[in-house]
Amino acid sequence: MPNIVIIGSGPAGVSAALYTARAGVETTVLTKGPGALDRAAHIQNYYGFAEPISGAELERRGIEGARALGVQFVTTEAVGLTYTDKLTVETLAPPMPSSWPPALPAPRRRSPVWQSWKAMV
């Protein structure tokens, strides 16, 4: 089965994760945790919502929907990418299953992308 890593859990990242998971691609999203969307009091005129919705609720629903399709969210901060014979993601903290709030950052290190994280290149 093909697989992909998406960096960022904002609306674009979660939307990409939804589409790749629906296409049968094993999907992992790297996230630093809640971002600007989480702090938005009201989102208006967002496609599919007749009434305003809070940013936190929109974020929660998107992530919940992606997880229901099997998307894995991992809390870490990607700070660089290197490609030689395989893709390597440089992170500030070791990848770990996502939880809110994110763990405190550890010293920067290079983290090879696990076999299940080989990105389509």
C-alpha atoms as a PDB file:
ATOM      1  CA  MET A   1       0.000   0.000   0.000  1.00  0.00           C
ATOM      2  CA  PRO A   2       1.383   3.466  -0.817  1.00  0.00           C
ATOM      3  CA  ASN A   3       1.874   5.875   2.090  1.00  0.00           C
ATOM      4  CA  ILE A   4       2.482   9.570   2.676  1.00  0.00           C
ATOM      5  CA  VAL A   5       3.529  12.005   5.400  1.00  0.00           C
ATOM      6  CA  ILE A   6       1.794  15.402   5.555  1.00  0.00           C
ATOM      7  CA  ILE A   7       3.494  18.185   7.487  1.00  0.00           C
ATOM      8  CA  GLY A   8       0.987  20.417   9.288  1.00  0.00           C
ATOM      9  CA  SER A   9      -2.478  19.849  10.738  1.00  0.00           C
ATOM     10  CA  GLY A  10      -4.116  23.095   9.649  1.00  0.00           C
ATOM     11  CA  PRO A  11      -7.110  23.091   7.292  1.00  0.00           C
ATOM     12  CA  ALA A  12      -4.962  22.316   4.216  1.00  0.00           C
ATOM     13  CA  GLY A  13      -3.067  19.490   5.919  1.00  0.00           C
ATOM     14  CA  VAL A  14      -6.198  17.864   7.338  1.00  0.00           C
ATOM     15  CA  SER A  15      -7.998  18.251   4.004  1.00  0.00           C
ATOM     16  CA  ALA A  16      -5.071  16.595   2.203  1.00  0.00           C
ATOM     17  CA  ALA A  17      -5.098  13.805   4.811  1.00  0.00           C
ATOM     18  CA  LEU A  18      -8.827  13.215   4.280  1.00  0.00           C
ATOM     19  CA  TYR A  19      -8.379  12.887   0.516  1.00  0.00           C
ATOM     20  CA  THR A  20      -5.301  10.643   0.683  1.00  0.00           C
ATOM     21  CA  ALA A  21      -6.927   8.362   3.271  1.00  0.00           C
ATOM     22  CA  ARG A  22     -10.100   8.112   1.156  1.00  0.00           C
ATOM     23  CA  ALA A  23      -7.874   7.129  -1.793  1.00  0.00           C
ATOM     24  CA  GLY A  24      -6.491   4.219   0.237  1.00  0.00           C
ATOM     25  CA  VAL A  25      -3.128   5.809   1.030  1.00  0.00           C
ATOM     26  CA  GLU A  26      -1.720   5.164   4.526  1.00  0.00           C
ATOM     27  CA  THR A  27      -1.503   8.714   5.898  1.00  0.00           C
ATOM     28  CA  THR A  28       0.468  10.256   8.769  1.00  0.00           C
ATOM     29  CA  VAL A  29       0.209  13.947   9.710  1.00  0.00           C
ATOM     30  CA  LEU A  30       3.045  15.625  11.626  1.00  0.00           C
ATOM     31  CA  THR A  31       1.640  18.350  13.889  1.00  0.00           C
ATOM     32  CA  LYS A  32       2.985  20.855  16.396  1.00  0.00           C
ATOM     33  CA  GLY A  33      -0.465  20.941  18.008  1.00  0.00           C
ATOM     34  CA  PRO A  34      -3.168  23.605  17.914  1.00  0.00           C
ATOM     35  CA  GLY A  35      -2.389  26.565  15.656  1.00  0.00           C
ATOM     36  CA  ALA A  36      -4.046  29.820  14.624  1.00  0.00           C
ATOM     37  CA  LEU A  37      -7.314  28.092  13.707  1.00  0.00           C
ATOM     38  CA  ASP A  38      -7.702  26.933  17.303  1.00  0.00           C
ATOM     39  CA  ARG A  39      -7.626  30.559  18.500  1.00  0.00           C
ATOM     40  CA  ALA A  40     -10.280  31.827  16.062  1.00  0.00           C
ATOM     41  CA  ALA A  41     -13.492  32.719  17.914  1.00  0.00           C
ATOM     42  CA  HIS A  42     -15.803  32.460  14.880  1.00  0.00           C
ATOM     43  CA  ILE A  43     -15.295  31.136  11.367  1.00  0.00           C
ATOM     44  CA  GLN A  44     -18.016  32.368   9.028  1.00  0.00           C
ATOM     45  CA  ASN A  45     -18.915  31.356   5.476  1.00  0.00           C
ATOM     46  CA  TYR A  46     -16.871  28.161   5.716  1.00  0.00           C
ATOM     47  CA  TYR A  47     -17.950  25.643   3.099  1.00  0.00           C
ATOM     48  CA  GLY A  48     -20.460  23.189   4.567  1.00  0.00           C
ATOM     49  CA  PHE A  49     -21.401  25.257   7.646  1.00  0.00           C
ATOM     50  CA  ALA A  50     -24.469  27.477   7.473  1.00  0.00           C
ATOM     51  CA  GLU A  51     -23.810  28.960  10.923  1.00  0.00           C
ATOM     52  CA  PRO A  52     -20.541  30.330  12.345  1.00  0.00           C
ATOM     53  CA  ILE A  53     -18.314  27.754  14.045  1.00  0.00           C
ATOM     54  CA  SER A  54     -15.385  28.266  16.402  1.00  0.00           C
ATOM     55  CA  GLY A  55     -11.945  27.551  15.049  1.00  0.00           C
ATOM     56  CA  ALA A  56     -11.341  25.002  17.802  1.00  0.00           C
ATOM     57  CA  GLU A  57     -14.532  23.128  16.873  1.00  0.00           C
ATOM     58  CA  LEU A  58     -13.705  23.200  13.158  1.00  0.00           C
ATOM     59  CA  GLU A  59     -10.213  21.867  13.928  1.00  0.00           C
ATOM     60  CA  ARG A  60     -11.633  19.161  16.228  1.00  0.00           C
ATOM     61  CA  ARG A  61     -14.162  17.988  13.641  1.00  0.00           C
ATOM     62  CA  GLY A  62     -11.575  17.868  10.869  1.00  0.00           C
ATOM     63  CA  ILE A  63      -9.089  15.855  12.914  1.00  0.00           C
ATOM     64  CA  GLU A  64     -11.844  13.584  14.221  1.00  0.00           C
ATOM     65  CA  GLY A  65     -13.005  12.897  10.654  1.00  0.00           C
ATOM     66  CA  ALA A  66      -9.459  12.154   9.506  1.00  0.00           C
ATOM     67  CA  ARG A  67      -8.819   9.810  12.438  1.00  0.00           C
ATOM     68  CA  ALA A  68     -12.059   7.971  11.621  1.00  0.00           C
ATOM     69  CA  LEU A  69     -10.508   7.196   8.218  1.00  0.00           C
ATOM     70  CA  GLY A  70      -7.330   5.860   9.839  1.00  0.00           C
ATOM     71  CA  VAL A  71      -5.095   8.931   9.615  1.00  0.00           C
ATOM     72  CA  GLN A  72      -2.394   8.925  12.289  1.00  0.00           C
ATOM     73  CA  PHE A  73      -1.461  12.276  13.886  1.00  0.00           C
ATOM     74  CA  VAL A  74       2.030  12.546  15.397  1.00  0.00           C
ATOM     75  CA  THR A  75       3.140  15.454  17.609  1.00  0.00           C
ATOM     76  CA  THR A  76       6.528  16.782  16.509  1.00  0.00           C
ATOM     77  CA  GLU A  77       7.934  19.788  14.671  1.00  0.00           C
ATOM     78  CA  ALA A  78       9.439  19.200  11.243  1.00  0.00           C
ATOM     79  CA  VAL A  79      12.344  21.592  10.662  1.00  0.00           C
ATOM     80  CA  GLY A  80      13.885  20.129   7.515  1.00  0.00           C
ATOM     81  CA  LEU A  81      13.733  17.446   4.837  1.00  0.00           C
ATOM     82  CA  THR A  82      16.602  15.524   3.276  1.00  0.00           C
ATOM     83  CA  TYR A  83      16.339  13.081   0.400  1.00  0.00           C
ATOM     84  CA  THR A  84      19.165  10.734  -0.553  1.00  0.00           C
ATOM     85  CA  ASP A  85      18.078   7.119  -1.043  1.00  0.00           C
ATOM     86  CA  LYS A  86      15.132   7.696   1.340  1.00  0.00           C
ATOM     87  CA  LEU A  87      13.296  10.670   2.774  1.00  0.00           C
ATOM     88  CA  THR A  88      14.459  11.910   6.184  1.00  0.00           C
ATOM     89  CA  VAL A  89      12.447  14.397   8.222  1.00  0.00           C
ATOM     90  CA  GLU A  90      14.415  16.543  10.683  1.00  0.00           C
ATOM     91  CA  THR A  91      12.404  17.187  13.846  1.00  0.00           C
ATOM     92  CA  LEU A  92      12.826  19.051  17.128  1.00  0.00           C
ATOM     93  CA  ALA A  93      11.404  16.187  19.170  1.00  0.00           C
ATOM     94  CA  PRO A  94      11.145  12.447  18.610  1.00  0.00           C
ATOM     95  CA  PRO A  95       7.890  11.598  16.801  1.00  0.00           C
ATOM     96  CA  MET A  96       5.182  10.387  19.178  1.00  0.00           C
ATOM     97  CA  PRO A  97       1.461   9.729  18.845  1.00  0.00           C
ATOM     98  CA  SER A  98      -0.388  13.025  18.957  1.00  0.00           C
ATOM     99  CA  SER A  99      -1.893  14.384  22.136  1.00  0.00           C
ATOM    100  CA  TRP A 100      -2.893  17.890  23.206  1.00  0.00           C
ATOM    101  CA  PRO A 101      -0.993  19.804  24.448  1.00  0.00           C
ATOM    102  CA  PRO A 102       2.134  18.799  22.532  1.00  0.00           C
ATOM    103  CA  ALA A 103       5.216  17.686  24.441  1.00  0.00           C
ATOM    104  CA  LEU A 104       7.923  20.230  25.211  1.00  0.00           C
ATOM    105  CA  PRO A 105      10.485  20.330  22.398  1.00  0.00           C
ATOM    106  CA  ALA A 106      13.628  18.280  22.794  1.00  0.00           C
ATOM    107  CA  PRO A 107      16.997  19.195  21.263  1.00  0.00           C
ATOM    108  CA  ARG A 108      17.014  19.152  17.468  1.00  0.00           C
ATOM    109  CA  ARG A 109      17.885  15.808  15.924  1.00  0.00           C
ATOM    110  CA  ARG A 110      17.638  14.022  12.600  1.00  0.00           C
ATOM    111  CA  SER A 111      14.880  11.462  12.576  1.00  0.00           C
ATOM    112  CA  PRO A 112      14.819   8.923   9.724  1.00  0.00           C
ATOM    113  CA  VAL A 113      11.357   8.458   8.323  1.00  0.00           C
ATOM    114  CA  TRP A 114      10.064   5.084   9.438  1.00  0.00           C
ATOM    115  CA  GLN A 115       9.329   2.496   6.775  1.00  0.00           C
ATOM    116  CA  SER A 116       5.618   3.258   7.023  1.00  0.00           C
ATOM    117  CA  TRP A 117       6.390   6.953   6.459  1.00  0.00           C
ATOM    118  CA  LYS A 118       8.137   6.653   3.089  1.00  0.00           C
ATOM    119  CA  ALA A 119       6.661   9.516   1.143  1.00  0.00           C
ATOM    120  CA  MET A 120       5.631   9.289  -2.464  1.00  0.00           C
ATOM    121  CA  VAL A 121       8.289  11.207  -4.353  1.00  0.00           C
END
